[in-house]
N, C-alpha and C. Protein backbone atom coordinates (compact mmCIF):
# COMPACT_ATOMS: atom_id res chain seq x y z
N MET A 1 -40.12 -50.09 -32.29
CA MET A 1 -40.28 -49.54 -30.93
C MET A 1 -40.48 -48.01 -31.03
N THR A 2 -41.42 -47.49 -30.28
CA THR A 2 -41.74 -46.06 -30.32
C THR A 2 -41.18 -45.43 -29.03
N ASP A 3 -40.74 -44.23 -29.16
CA ASP A 3 -40.25 -43.43 -28.08
C ASP A 3 -41.42 -43.01 -27.22
N GLN A 4 -41.30 -43.17 -25.88
CA GLN A 4 -42.32 -42.69 -25.01
C GLN A 4 -42.14 -41.17 -24.76
N ALA A 5 -43.23 -40.48 -24.74
CA ALA A 5 -43.17 -39.05 -24.52
C ALA A 5 -42.73 -38.72 -23.13
N THR A 6 -41.96 -37.72 -22.95
CA THR A 6 -41.48 -37.32 -21.62
C THR A 6 -42.65 -36.83 -20.77
N PRO A 7 -42.88 -37.42 -19.59
CA PRO A 7 -43.99 -36.91 -18.74
C PRO A 7 -43.83 -35.46 -18.47
N ARG A 8 -44.91 -34.72 -18.55
CA ARG A 8 -44.87 -33.31 -18.25
C ARG A 8 -44.55 -33.06 -16.76
N GLY A 9 -43.74 -32.02 -16.48
CA GLY A 9 -43.40 -31.75 -15.16
C GLY A 9 -44.58 -31.13 -14.37
N ARG A 10 -44.34 -30.79 -13.12
CA ARG A 10 -45.42 -30.23 -12.30
C ARG A 10 -45.04 -28.80 -11.91
N PHE A 11 -46.05 -27.98 -11.72
CA PHE A 11 -45.88 -26.55 -11.51
C PHE A 11 -46.44 -26.20 -10.15
N ILE A 12 -45.52 -25.68 -9.25
CA ILE A 12 -45.91 -25.29 -7.87
C ILE A 12 -45.63 -23.80 -7.77
N THR A 13 -46.62 -23.07 -7.25
CA THR A 13 -46.37 -21.68 -6.93
C THR A 13 -46.53 -21.40 -5.46
N MET A 14 -45.82 -20.39 -5.01
CA MET A 14 -45.82 -19.96 -3.62
C MET A 14 -46.41 -18.58 -3.56
N GLU A 15 -47.44 -18.34 -2.82
CA GLU A 15 -48.09 -17.02 -2.80
C GLU A 15 -48.24 -16.56 -1.35
N GLY A 16 -48.53 -15.25 -1.25
CA GLY A 16 -48.73 -14.70 0.06
C GLY A 16 -48.24 -13.23 0.04
N SER A 17 -48.71 -12.49 1.00
CA SER A 17 -48.32 -11.08 1.18
C SER A 17 -46.92 -11.01 1.70
N GLU A 18 -46.33 -9.79 1.64
CA GLU A 18 -45.04 -9.50 2.22
C GLU A 18 -45.05 -9.87 3.67
N GLY A 19 -44.00 -10.54 4.16
CA GLY A 19 -43.87 -10.91 5.54
C GLY A 19 -44.28 -12.27 5.94
N VAL A 20 -44.70 -13.07 4.96
CA VAL A 20 -45.23 -14.43 5.30
C VAL A 20 -44.14 -15.46 5.23
N GLY A 21 -42.97 -15.12 4.74
CA GLY A 21 -41.79 -16.05 4.67
C GLY A 21 -41.72 -16.87 3.42
N LYS A 22 -42.13 -16.32 2.26
CA LYS A 22 -42.15 -17.08 1.04
C LYS A 22 -40.73 -17.54 0.66
N THR A 23 -39.71 -16.68 0.77
CA THR A 23 -38.40 -17.00 0.26
C THR A 23 -37.82 -18.27 0.93
N THR A 24 -37.94 -18.28 2.27
CA THR A 24 -37.40 -19.42 3.03
C THR A 24 -38.11 -20.72 2.68
N ASN A 25 -39.48 -20.64 2.64
CA ASN A 25 -40.26 -21.86 2.39
C ASN A 25 -40.14 -22.32 0.95
N LEU A 26 -40.00 -21.38 -0.01
CA LEU A 26 -39.81 -21.81 -1.37
C LEU A 26 -38.58 -22.58 -1.54
N GLN A 27 -37.46 -22.11 -0.92
CA GLN A 27 -36.21 -22.80 -1.02
C GLN A 27 -36.33 -24.27 -0.43
N PHE A 28 -37.07 -24.36 0.67
CA PHE A 28 -37.30 -25.63 1.24
C PHE A 28 -37.98 -26.58 0.29
N VAL A 29 -39.03 -26.08 -0.37
CA VAL A 29 -39.80 -26.92 -1.34
C VAL A 29 -38.84 -27.43 -2.43
N ALA A 30 -37.99 -26.51 -2.99
CA ALA A 30 -37.10 -26.88 -4.08
C ALA A 30 -36.10 -27.96 -3.56
N ASP A 31 -35.50 -27.76 -2.36
CA ASP A 31 -34.59 -28.72 -1.84
C ASP A 31 -35.23 -30.09 -1.56
N TYR A 32 -36.41 -30.05 -1.07
CA TYR A 32 -37.17 -31.31 -0.72
C TYR A 32 -37.45 -32.04 -2.01
N LEU A 33 -37.84 -31.40 -3.06
CA LEU A 33 -38.15 -32.08 -4.32
C LEU A 33 -36.86 -32.71 -4.89
N ARG A 34 -35.72 -31.99 -4.79
CA ARG A 34 -34.52 -32.49 -5.29
C ARG A 34 -34.11 -33.73 -4.57
N LYS A 35 -34.29 -33.75 -3.29
CA LYS A 35 -34.03 -34.96 -2.48
C LYS A 35 -34.88 -36.16 -2.85
N ARG A 36 -36.03 -35.83 -3.41
CA ARG A 36 -36.97 -36.86 -3.87
C ARG A 36 -36.72 -37.23 -5.34
N GLY A 37 -35.61 -36.73 -5.92
CA GLY A 37 -35.25 -37.14 -7.23
C GLY A 37 -35.79 -36.33 -8.39
N ARG A 38 -36.39 -35.19 -8.09
CA ARG A 38 -36.92 -34.39 -9.15
C ARG A 38 -35.92 -33.31 -9.61
N THR A 39 -35.91 -32.96 -10.90
CA THR A 39 -35.17 -31.85 -11.42
C THR A 39 -36.02 -30.63 -11.24
N VAL A 40 -35.51 -29.61 -10.59
CA VAL A 40 -36.34 -28.48 -10.20
C VAL A 40 -35.74 -27.16 -10.80
N VAL A 41 -36.70 -26.43 -11.28
CA VAL A 41 -36.38 -25.02 -11.74
C VAL A 41 -37.03 -24.07 -10.77
N VAL A 42 -36.19 -23.26 -10.14
CA VAL A 42 -36.75 -22.23 -9.18
C VAL A 42 -36.74 -20.88 -9.89
N THR A 43 -37.82 -20.18 -9.82
CA THR A 43 -38.00 -18.93 -10.51
C THR A 43 -38.88 -17.95 -9.73
N ARG A 44 -39.11 -16.78 -10.25
CA ARG A 44 -39.97 -15.80 -9.55
C ARG A 44 -40.68 -14.89 -10.51
N GLU A 45 -41.67 -14.24 -9.96
CA GLU A 45 -42.39 -13.22 -10.70
C GLU A 45 -42.55 -12.00 -9.81
N PRO A 46 -42.58 -10.76 -10.49
CA PRO A 46 -42.08 -10.65 -11.91
C PRO A 46 -40.65 -10.95 -11.98
N GLY A 47 -40.21 -11.51 -13.06
CA GLY A 47 -38.81 -11.88 -13.26
C GLY A 47 -38.67 -13.23 -13.96
N GLY A 48 -37.52 -13.79 -13.85
CA GLY A 48 -37.23 -15.13 -14.38
C GLY A 48 -36.57 -15.19 -15.74
N THR A 49 -36.59 -14.06 -16.46
CA THR A 49 -35.87 -13.90 -17.77
C THR A 49 -35.18 -12.52 -17.70
N PRO A 50 -34.19 -12.25 -18.52
CA PRO A 50 -33.51 -10.96 -18.53
C PRO A 50 -34.48 -9.81 -18.73
N VAL A 51 -35.42 -9.96 -19.74
CA VAL A 51 -36.38 -8.88 -19.92
C VAL A 51 -37.32 -8.73 -18.78
N ALA A 52 -37.81 -9.84 -18.22
CA ALA A 52 -38.73 -9.78 -17.10
C ALA A 52 -38.05 -9.18 -15.87
N GLU A 53 -36.76 -9.47 -15.65
CA GLU A 53 -36.09 -8.93 -14.56
C GLU A 53 -35.89 -7.40 -14.62
N ARG A 54 -35.76 -6.90 -15.86
CA ARG A 54 -35.71 -5.48 -16.10
C ARG A 54 -37.10 -4.82 -15.82
N ILE A 55 -38.13 -5.53 -16.22
CA ILE A 55 -39.46 -5.06 -15.90
C ILE A 55 -39.70 -5.05 -14.36
N ARG A 56 -39.16 -6.06 -13.67
CA ARG A 56 -39.26 -6.12 -12.25
C ARG A 56 -38.64 -4.89 -11.60
N ASP A 57 -37.48 -4.49 -12.12
CA ASP A 57 -36.82 -3.32 -11.53
C ASP A 57 -37.68 -2.12 -11.70
N VAL A 58 -38.36 -1.96 -12.84
CA VAL A 58 -39.23 -0.81 -13.08
C VAL A 58 -40.38 -0.86 -12.06
N LEU A 59 -41.01 -2.01 -11.91
CA LEU A 59 -42.17 -2.16 -11.02
C LEU A 59 -41.83 -1.92 -9.54
N LEU A 60 -40.70 -2.45 -9.12
CA LEU A 60 -40.39 -2.41 -7.70
C LEU A 60 -39.65 -1.12 -7.31
N GLN A 61 -38.81 -0.58 -8.16
CA GLN A 61 -37.95 0.55 -7.77
C GLN A 61 -38.47 1.88 -8.15
N SER A 62 -39.47 1.90 -9.00
CA SER A 62 -40.02 3.26 -9.45
C SER A 62 -40.62 3.97 -8.20
N GLU A 63 -40.54 5.30 -8.28
CA GLU A 63 -41.11 6.08 -7.17
C GLU A 63 -42.62 5.91 -7.12
N ARG A 64 -43.13 5.93 -5.92
CA ARG A 64 -44.62 5.80 -5.77
C ARG A 64 -45.34 6.84 -6.53
N GLY A 65 -46.33 6.45 -7.27
CA GLY A 65 -47.14 7.39 -8.03
C GLY A 65 -46.65 7.61 -9.50
N THR A 66 -45.48 7.04 -9.85
CA THR A 66 -44.97 7.18 -11.24
C THR A 66 -45.43 6.13 -12.14
N VAL A 67 -45.97 5.01 -11.63
CA VAL A 67 -46.44 3.93 -12.45
C VAL A 67 -47.99 3.83 -12.17
N SER A 68 -48.76 4.10 -13.18
CA SER A 68 -50.25 4.01 -12.98
C SER A 68 -50.67 2.61 -12.79
N ASP A 69 -51.91 2.42 -12.28
CA ASP A 69 -52.42 1.06 -12.05
C ASP A 69 -52.54 0.24 -13.33
N PRO A 70 -53.09 0.82 -14.44
CA PRO A 70 -53.13 0.09 -15.69
C PRO A 70 -51.77 -0.30 -16.21
N CYS A 71 -50.84 0.70 -16.12
CA CYS A 71 -49.47 0.42 -16.54
C CYS A 71 -48.82 -0.72 -15.77
N GLU A 72 -49.06 -0.68 -14.41
CA GLU A 72 -48.53 -1.76 -13.53
C GLU A 72 -49.08 -3.15 -14.02
N LEU A 73 -50.39 -3.21 -14.22
CA LEU A 73 -51.03 -4.46 -14.64
C LEU A 73 -50.39 -5.00 -15.95
N LEU A 74 -50.25 -4.11 -16.93
CA LEU A 74 -49.75 -4.51 -18.23
C LEU A 74 -48.27 -4.92 -18.10
N LEU A 75 -47.51 -4.23 -17.28
CA LEU A 75 -46.08 -4.63 -17.11
C LEU A 75 -45.97 -6.03 -16.48
N MET A 76 -46.88 -6.30 -15.49
CA MET A 76 -46.90 -7.61 -14.83
C MET A 76 -47.09 -8.74 -15.90
N PHE A 77 -48.01 -8.47 -16.80
CA PHE A 77 -48.29 -9.55 -17.79
C PHE A 77 -47.25 -9.49 -18.91
N ALA A 78 -46.64 -8.36 -19.19
CA ALA A 78 -45.51 -8.40 -20.17
C ALA A 78 -44.40 -9.27 -19.65
N ALA A 79 -44.04 -9.12 -18.37
CA ALA A 79 -43.05 -9.94 -17.77
C ALA A 79 -43.45 -11.40 -17.72
N ARG A 80 -44.72 -11.66 -17.41
CA ARG A 80 -45.23 -13.01 -17.35
C ARG A 80 -45.17 -13.73 -18.72
N ALA A 81 -45.46 -12.96 -19.78
CA ALA A 81 -45.48 -13.55 -21.06
C ALA A 81 -44.09 -14.11 -21.46
N ALA A 82 -43.07 -13.28 -21.18
CA ALA A 82 -41.70 -13.78 -21.44
C ALA A 82 -41.35 -14.93 -20.53
N HIS A 83 -41.79 -14.91 -19.33
CA HIS A 83 -41.50 -15.89 -18.27
C HIS A 83 -42.09 -17.27 -18.70
N VAL A 84 -43.38 -17.21 -19.05
CA VAL A 84 -44.05 -18.48 -19.41
C VAL A 84 -43.39 -19.03 -20.70
N GLU A 85 -43.19 -18.22 -21.67
CA GLU A 85 -42.67 -18.74 -22.98
C GLU A 85 -41.21 -19.29 -22.87
N GLN A 86 -40.38 -18.53 -22.12
CA GLN A 86 -38.96 -18.87 -22.17
C GLN A 86 -38.48 -19.72 -21.00
N VAL A 87 -39.25 -19.82 -19.88
CA VAL A 87 -38.78 -20.58 -18.72
C VAL A 87 -39.81 -21.66 -18.34
N ILE A 88 -41.00 -21.24 -18.00
CA ILE A 88 -41.95 -22.21 -17.36
C ILE A 88 -42.33 -23.36 -18.35
N GLU A 89 -42.88 -22.94 -19.51
CA GLU A 89 -43.36 -23.96 -20.40
C GLU A 89 -42.23 -24.92 -20.87
N PRO A 90 -41.04 -24.37 -21.24
CA PRO A 90 -39.98 -25.33 -21.66
C PRO A 90 -39.59 -26.31 -20.54
N ALA A 91 -39.54 -25.78 -19.32
CA ALA A 91 -39.15 -26.66 -18.22
C ALA A 91 -40.18 -27.76 -17.99
N LEU A 92 -41.45 -27.40 -17.99
CA LEU A 92 -42.53 -28.39 -17.84
C LEU A 92 -42.44 -29.45 -18.96
N ALA A 93 -42.23 -28.97 -20.15
CA ALA A 93 -42.12 -29.91 -21.25
C ALA A 93 -40.97 -30.86 -21.18
N ARG A 94 -39.92 -30.50 -20.52
CA ARG A 94 -38.72 -31.33 -20.28
C ARG A 94 -38.98 -32.32 -19.16
N GLY A 95 -40.09 -32.17 -18.44
CA GLY A 95 -40.33 -32.96 -17.31
C GLY A 95 -39.86 -32.49 -16.00
N ASP A 96 -39.33 -31.26 -16.02
CA ASP A 96 -38.86 -30.64 -14.76
C ASP A 96 -40.01 -30.18 -13.92
N TRP A 97 -39.74 -29.97 -12.60
CA TRP A 97 -40.72 -29.39 -11.75
C TRP A 97 -40.34 -27.94 -11.53
N VAL A 98 -41.36 -27.01 -11.73
CA VAL A 98 -41.12 -25.60 -11.60
C VAL A 98 -41.68 -25.12 -10.25
N VAL A 99 -40.82 -24.42 -9.43
CA VAL A 99 -41.23 -23.88 -8.22
C VAL A 99 -41.13 -22.33 -8.37
N CYS A 100 -42.23 -21.60 -8.30
CA CYS A 100 -42.23 -20.25 -8.62
C CYS A 100 -42.70 -19.35 -7.47
N ASP A 101 -41.96 -18.33 -7.18
CA ASP A 101 -42.33 -17.30 -6.18
C ASP A 101 -43.31 -16.35 -6.83
N ARG A 102 -44.59 -16.54 -6.58
CA ARG A 102 -45.75 -15.79 -7.16
C ARG A 102 -46.02 -16.14 -8.56
N PHE A 103 -47.32 -16.01 -8.95
CA PHE A 103 -47.75 -16.16 -10.32
C PHE A 103 -49.02 -15.34 -10.53
N THR A 104 -49.93 -15.78 -11.30
CA THR A 104 -51.11 -14.98 -11.67
C THR A 104 -51.99 -14.71 -10.46
N ASP A 105 -52.05 -15.58 -9.49
CA ASP A 105 -52.85 -15.33 -8.26
C ASP A 105 -52.37 -14.01 -7.65
N ALA A 106 -51.11 -13.69 -7.68
CA ALA A 106 -50.59 -12.44 -7.11
C ALA A 106 -51.12 -11.24 -7.87
N THR A 107 -51.40 -11.37 -9.11
CA THR A 107 -51.96 -10.26 -9.88
C THR A 107 -53.39 -9.96 -9.48
N TYR A 108 -54.17 -11.06 -9.27
CA TYR A 108 -55.54 -10.88 -8.77
C TYR A 108 -55.50 -10.29 -7.40
N ALA A 109 -54.51 -10.67 -6.55
CA ALA A 109 -54.51 -10.18 -5.16
C ALA A 109 -54.02 -8.77 -5.12
N TYR A 110 -52.90 -8.44 -5.80
CA TYR A 110 -52.27 -7.12 -5.69
C TYR A 110 -52.88 -6.07 -6.60
N GLN A 111 -52.96 -6.40 -7.91
CA GLN A 111 -53.52 -5.44 -8.81
C GLN A 111 -55.04 -5.41 -8.73
N GLY A 112 -55.66 -6.60 -8.51
CA GLY A 112 -57.07 -6.70 -8.37
C GLY A 112 -57.55 -6.24 -7.02
N GLY A 113 -57.20 -6.99 -5.98
CA GLY A 113 -57.64 -6.64 -4.64
C GLY A 113 -57.01 -5.40 -4.10
N GLY A 114 -55.67 -5.28 -4.16
CA GLY A 114 -54.96 -4.17 -3.66
C GLY A 114 -55.22 -2.84 -4.39
N ARG A 115 -55.15 -2.84 -5.75
CA ARG A 115 -55.24 -1.62 -6.54
C ARG A 115 -56.70 -1.42 -7.01
N GLY A 116 -57.57 -2.42 -7.01
CA GLY A 116 -58.91 -2.29 -7.47
C GLY A 116 -59.09 -2.39 -8.94
N MET A 117 -58.10 -2.97 -9.64
CA MET A 117 -58.27 -3.18 -11.10
C MET A 117 -59.35 -4.21 -11.34
N PRO A 118 -60.19 -4.02 -12.37
CA PRO A 118 -61.32 -4.94 -12.64
C PRO A 118 -60.78 -6.36 -12.97
N ASP A 119 -61.44 -7.32 -12.36
CA ASP A 119 -61.14 -8.73 -12.64
C ASP A 119 -61.27 -9.10 -14.15
N GLU A 120 -62.17 -8.46 -14.82
CA GLU A 120 -62.39 -8.72 -16.23
C GLU A 120 -61.19 -8.31 -17.07
N ASP A 121 -60.48 -7.30 -16.70
CA ASP A 121 -59.23 -6.92 -17.39
C ASP A 121 -58.16 -7.94 -17.13
N ILE A 122 -58.05 -8.35 -15.89
CA ILE A 122 -57.06 -9.42 -15.52
C ILE A 122 -57.35 -10.72 -16.23
N ASP A 123 -58.66 -11.04 -16.27
CA ASP A 123 -59.09 -12.30 -16.94
C ASP A 123 -58.61 -12.37 -18.37
N ARG A 124 -58.90 -11.24 -19.07
CA ARG A 124 -58.55 -11.19 -20.47
C ARG A 124 -57.05 -11.34 -20.77
N LEU A 125 -56.25 -10.67 -19.97
CA LEU A 125 -54.78 -10.80 -20.10
C LEU A 125 -54.32 -12.16 -19.75
N ALA A 126 -54.93 -12.74 -18.69
CA ALA A 126 -54.55 -14.11 -18.33
C ALA A 126 -54.88 -15.09 -19.40
N GLN A 127 -55.99 -15.04 -19.99
CA GLN A 127 -56.38 -15.94 -21.05
C GLN A 127 -55.44 -15.81 -22.25
N TRP A 128 -55.03 -14.59 -22.57
CA TRP A 128 -54.20 -14.33 -23.71
C TRP A 128 -52.77 -14.86 -23.44
N VAL A 129 -52.22 -14.56 -22.28
CA VAL A 129 -50.86 -14.90 -21.99
C VAL A 129 -50.63 -16.34 -21.54
N LEU A 130 -51.57 -16.85 -20.74
CA LEU A 130 -51.33 -18.15 -20.14
C LEU A 130 -51.83 -19.34 -21.01
N LYS A 131 -52.80 -19.09 -21.82
CA LYS A 131 -53.38 -20.12 -22.68
C LYS A 131 -53.65 -21.37 -21.88
N GLY A 132 -54.35 -21.20 -20.74
CA GLY A 132 -54.75 -22.32 -19.98
C GLY A 132 -53.77 -22.85 -18.92
N LEU A 133 -52.55 -22.32 -18.90
CA LEU A 133 -51.61 -22.82 -17.85
C LEU A 133 -52.03 -22.43 -16.50
N GLN A 134 -52.01 -23.44 -15.63
CA GLN A 134 -52.38 -23.20 -14.21
C GLN A 134 -51.43 -24.02 -13.33
N PRO A 135 -51.11 -23.56 -12.20
CA PRO A 135 -50.24 -24.34 -11.27
C PRO A 135 -50.96 -25.63 -10.86
N ASP A 136 -50.16 -26.66 -10.68
CA ASP A 136 -50.74 -27.92 -10.10
C ASP A 136 -51.02 -27.78 -8.64
N LEU A 137 -50.21 -26.98 -7.97
CA LEU A 137 -50.35 -26.70 -6.57
C LEU A 137 -49.94 -25.26 -6.27
N THR A 138 -50.81 -24.55 -5.54
CA THR A 138 -50.40 -23.20 -5.03
C THR A 138 -50.50 -23.25 -3.50
N ILE A 139 -49.33 -22.94 -2.93
CA ILE A 139 -49.22 -22.89 -1.44
C ILE A 139 -49.38 -21.41 -1.10
N LEU A 140 -50.46 -21.12 -0.36
CA LEU A 140 -50.74 -19.80 0.08
C LEU A 140 -50.35 -19.64 1.54
N LEU A 141 -49.30 -18.94 1.77
CA LEU A 141 -48.84 -18.66 3.12
C LEU A 141 -49.62 -17.48 3.68
N ASP A 142 -50.36 -17.73 4.74
CA ASP A 142 -51.24 -16.72 5.29
C ASP A 142 -50.99 -16.46 6.72
N ALA A 143 -50.99 -15.21 7.11
CA ALA A 143 -50.82 -14.80 8.55
C ALA A 143 -51.62 -13.57 8.83
N ASP A 144 -51.91 -13.35 10.09
CA ASP A 144 -52.65 -12.14 10.53
C ASP A 144 -51.84 -10.90 10.10
N PRO A 145 -52.57 -9.85 9.73
CA PRO A 145 -51.84 -8.61 9.26
C PRO A 145 -50.89 -8.08 10.36
N ALA A 146 -51.23 -8.27 11.63
CA ALA A 146 -50.38 -7.77 12.70
C ALA A 146 -49.04 -8.48 12.67
N VAL A 147 -49.02 -9.78 12.33
CA VAL A 147 -47.79 -10.54 12.28
C VAL A 147 -46.93 -10.06 11.07
N THR A 148 -47.58 -9.99 9.92
CA THR A 148 -46.87 -9.62 8.71
C THR A 148 -46.38 -8.22 8.74
N GLY A 149 -47.23 -7.34 9.33
CA GLY A 149 -46.80 -5.93 9.45
C GLY A 149 -45.62 -5.81 10.35
N ALA A 150 -45.52 -6.52 11.45
CA ALA A 150 -44.39 -6.44 12.32
C ALA A 150 -43.14 -7.01 11.61
N ARG A 151 -43.28 -8.04 10.80
CA ARG A 151 -42.12 -8.59 10.05
C ARG A 151 -41.62 -7.61 9.06
N ARG A 152 -42.55 -6.98 8.33
CA ARG A 152 -42.12 -5.95 7.36
C ARG A 152 -41.41 -4.76 8.05
N ALA A 153 -41.93 -4.35 9.15
CA ALA A 153 -41.29 -3.26 9.88
C ALA A 153 -39.94 -3.57 10.32
N ALA A 154 -39.75 -4.82 10.77
CA ALA A 154 -38.44 -5.28 11.34
C ALA A 154 -37.36 -5.30 10.25
N ARG A 155 -37.79 -5.68 9.03
CA ARG A 155 -36.74 -5.79 7.95
C ARG A 155 -36.59 -4.49 7.10
N GLY A 156 -37.56 -3.63 7.24
CA GLY A 156 -37.46 -2.30 6.53
C GLY A 156 -38.04 -2.45 5.16
N ILE A 157 -38.26 -1.25 4.55
CA ILE A 157 -38.90 -1.14 3.22
C ILE A 157 -37.87 -1.24 2.17
N SER A 158 -38.06 -2.19 1.22
CA SER A 158 -37.08 -2.37 0.15
C SER A 158 -37.60 -2.07 -1.23
N ASP A 159 -38.94 -1.94 -1.38
CA ASP A 159 -39.48 -1.64 -2.72
C ASP A 159 -40.82 -0.89 -2.62
N ARG A 160 -41.38 -0.54 -3.76
CA ARG A 160 -42.55 0.22 -3.85
C ARG A 160 -43.80 -0.48 -3.17
N PHE A 161 -43.86 -1.79 -3.38
CA PHE A 161 -45.00 -2.50 -2.78
C PHE A 161 -44.91 -2.57 -1.27
N GLU A 162 -43.77 -2.75 -0.73
CA GLU A 162 -43.60 -2.85 0.74
C GLU A 162 -43.93 -1.51 1.42
N ALA A 163 -43.90 -0.46 0.63
CA ALA A 163 -44.20 0.86 1.24
C ALA A 163 -45.68 1.13 1.31
N GLU A 164 -46.52 0.20 0.81
CA GLU A 164 -47.94 0.41 0.86
C GLU A 164 -48.49 0.39 2.30
N HIS A 165 -49.68 0.99 2.50
CA HIS A 165 -50.31 1.08 3.79
C HIS A 165 -51.00 -0.17 4.19
N ALA A 166 -51.41 -0.27 5.46
CA ALA A 166 -51.99 -1.49 6.00
C ALA A 166 -53.25 -1.90 5.30
N ALA A 167 -54.12 -0.88 4.87
CA ALA A 167 -55.36 -1.23 4.25
C ALA A 167 -55.09 -1.96 2.89
N PHE A 168 -54.00 -1.57 2.19
CA PHE A 168 -53.68 -2.23 0.94
C PHE A 168 -53.43 -3.68 1.19
N PHE A 169 -52.60 -3.98 2.18
CA PHE A 169 -52.26 -5.40 2.46
C PHE A 169 -53.44 -6.20 3.00
N ALA A 170 -54.39 -5.51 3.63
CA ALA A 170 -55.62 -6.16 4.08
C ALA A 170 -56.44 -6.61 2.92
N ARG A 171 -56.50 -5.75 1.88
CA ARG A 171 -57.22 -6.11 0.64
C ARG A 171 -56.55 -7.22 -0.15
N VAL A 172 -55.24 -7.19 -0.15
CA VAL A 172 -54.46 -8.26 -0.79
C VAL A 172 -54.72 -9.67 -0.16
N ARG A 173 -54.66 -9.59 1.23
CA ARG A 173 -54.90 -10.84 1.94
C ARG A 173 -56.31 -11.36 1.74
N ALA A 174 -57.31 -10.45 1.71
CA ALA A 174 -58.66 -10.87 1.55
C ALA A 174 -58.91 -11.48 0.18
N ARG A 175 -58.27 -10.93 -0.85
CA ARG A 175 -58.38 -11.49 -2.16
C ARG A 175 -57.70 -12.85 -2.29
N TYR A 176 -56.58 -12.99 -1.68
CA TYR A 176 -55.91 -14.27 -1.70
C TYR A 176 -56.79 -15.33 -1.09
N LEU A 177 -57.46 -15.00 0.05
CA LEU A 177 -58.30 -16.01 0.73
C LEU A 177 -59.58 -16.29 -0.08
N ASP A 178 -60.06 -15.27 -0.78
CA ASP A 178 -61.16 -15.49 -1.74
C ASP A 178 -60.76 -16.54 -2.82
N ILE A 179 -59.56 -16.36 -3.34
CA ILE A 179 -59.15 -17.32 -4.38
C ILE A 179 -59.03 -18.74 -3.81
N ALA A 180 -58.50 -18.86 -2.59
CA ALA A 180 -58.35 -20.12 -1.94
C ALA A 180 -59.69 -20.80 -1.71
N ARG A 181 -60.72 -20.04 -1.31
CA ARG A 181 -62.08 -20.57 -1.13
C ARG A 181 -62.67 -21.01 -2.42
N ALA A 182 -62.38 -20.32 -3.53
CA ALA A 182 -62.94 -20.65 -4.83
C ALA A 182 -62.24 -21.82 -5.43
N GLU A 183 -60.97 -22.08 -5.17
CA GLU A 183 -60.23 -23.21 -5.75
C GLU A 183 -59.47 -24.04 -4.67
N PRO A 184 -60.25 -24.62 -3.78
CA PRO A 184 -59.60 -25.35 -2.65
C PRO A 184 -58.74 -26.53 -3.03
N GLN A 185 -58.94 -27.10 -4.18
CA GLN A 185 -58.10 -28.24 -4.56
C GLN A 185 -56.74 -27.77 -5.04
N ARG A 186 -56.70 -26.63 -5.64
CA ARG A 186 -55.34 -26.13 -6.16
C ARG A 186 -54.66 -25.26 -5.14
N VAL A 187 -55.38 -24.38 -4.47
CA VAL A 187 -54.76 -23.40 -3.58
C VAL A 187 -54.95 -23.97 -2.08
N ARG A 188 -53.84 -24.23 -1.47
CA ARG A 188 -53.84 -24.74 -0.11
C ARG A 188 -53.26 -23.73 0.84
N VAL A 189 -54.03 -23.38 1.83
CA VAL A 189 -53.63 -22.34 2.80
C VAL A 189 -52.80 -22.94 3.91
N VAL A 190 -51.65 -22.34 4.22
CA VAL A 190 -50.76 -22.74 5.28
C VAL A 190 -50.64 -21.56 6.21
N ASP A 191 -50.86 -21.84 7.48
CA ASP A 191 -50.75 -20.78 8.55
C ASP A 191 -49.27 -20.49 8.72
N ALA A 192 -48.94 -19.25 8.29
CA ALA A 192 -47.52 -18.87 8.34
C ALA A 192 -47.14 -18.08 9.64
N SER A 193 -48.09 -18.04 10.59
CA SER A 193 -47.82 -17.37 11.82
C SER A 193 -47.16 -18.33 12.82
N GLY A 194 -47.11 -19.62 12.59
CA GLY A 194 -46.48 -20.55 13.51
C GLY A 194 -44.99 -20.61 13.40
N THR A 195 -44.32 -21.48 14.07
CA THR A 195 -42.88 -21.64 14.08
C THR A 195 -42.49 -22.19 12.66
N LEU A 196 -41.27 -21.99 12.27
CA LEU A 196 -40.79 -22.42 10.98
C LEU A 196 -40.98 -23.89 10.83
N ASP A 197 -40.75 -24.66 11.93
CA ASP A 197 -40.91 -26.14 11.83
C ASP A 197 -42.32 -26.48 11.53
N GLU A 198 -43.25 -25.78 12.22
CA GLU A 198 -44.72 -26.05 11.98
C GLU A 198 -45.08 -25.70 10.52
N VAL A 199 -44.61 -24.65 10.01
CA VAL A 199 -44.91 -24.30 8.59
C VAL A 199 -44.34 -25.30 7.64
N LEU A 200 -43.09 -25.69 7.87
CA LEU A 200 -42.46 -26.65 6.96
C LEU A 200 -43.15 -28.00 7.02
N ALA A 201 -43.65 -28.40 8.22
CA ALA A 201 -44.34 -29.69 8.29
C ALA A 201 -45.61 -29.66 7.50
N SER A 202 -46.33 -28.55 7.53
CA SER A 202 -47.56 -28.41 6.73
C SER A 202 -47.24 -28.45 5.22
N ILE A 203 -46.20 -27.79 4.85
CA ILE A 203 -45.80 -27.76 3.43
C ILE A 203 -45.42 -29.14 2.98
N THR A 204 -44.66 -29.88 3.82
CA THR A 204 -44.20 -31.22 3.46
C THR A 204 -45.38 -32.11 3.08
N VAL A 205 -46.48 -32.06 3.91
CA VAL A 205 -47.66 -32.84 3.62
C VAL A 205 -48.20 -32.60 2.23
N LEU A 206 -48.28 -31.31 1.93
CA LEU A 206 -48.81 -30.91 0.59
C LEU A 206 -47.93 -31.39 -0.54
N ILE A 207 -46.61 -31.32 -0.38
CA ILE A 207 -45.68 -31.77 -1.42
C ILE A 207 -45.75 -33.28 -1.59
N ASP A 208 -45.81 -33.96 -0.43
CA ASP A 208 -45.88 -35.47 -0.50
C ASP A 208 -47.12 -35.86 -1.22
N ASN A 209 -48.27 -35.23 -0.94
CA ASN A 209 -49.52 -35.50 -1.68
C ASN A 209 -49.32 -35.35 -3.17
N LEU A 210 -48.66 -34.30 -3.58
CA LEU A 210 -48.51 -34.08 -5.02
C LEU A 210 -47.55 -35.11 -5.57
N LEU A 211 -46.48 -35.46 -4.87
CA LEU A 211 -45.56 -36.47 -5.36
C LEU A 211 -46.24 -37.87 -5.54
N ASP A 212 -47.11 -38.13 -4.58
CA ASP A 212 -47.80 -39.42 -4.60
C ASP A 212 -48.88 -39.49 -5.71
């Protein structure tokens, strides 16, 4: 008798600009999957490992202007390299489901769209670090900038990215939507401007489709 290989787990990422409600909805996804009998690893980017969390602190808490755009991009991928190697790939190999707050799409949106870093540079780093790893499903929470701007203002500024101006977030949103149009099977857009119940209902359909 031969041992059957453990089925590889599934990889779900949650994307969107500040103010779309990623944290609440990501926890819902994890809880929903656990109720359906899946073992779930919840993680985030940048972060997820001790080294990556320290890099996160540098990226988020440094004073504006002290981290150049190329440095920011390289730090993002340095954190991602540790995250993929130490958390994401081992979990998927065990058959666990990984639910991650942001992944490489965020780099194309923030460092590419927001900062204007060339896609070719991001592509090369992604090929080197990811080695073909892609999410099975990316849930892109999207809302009008007026909605997300009001939400950010209500909760206050907590890091260097949240301090960016409205034009920056408009470019980030535009790049996210470009990615969704280019990869409609993987990236599914959810209107985050509705009620929480409406948003969760849309997400539930997407998760059920992946489970099935």
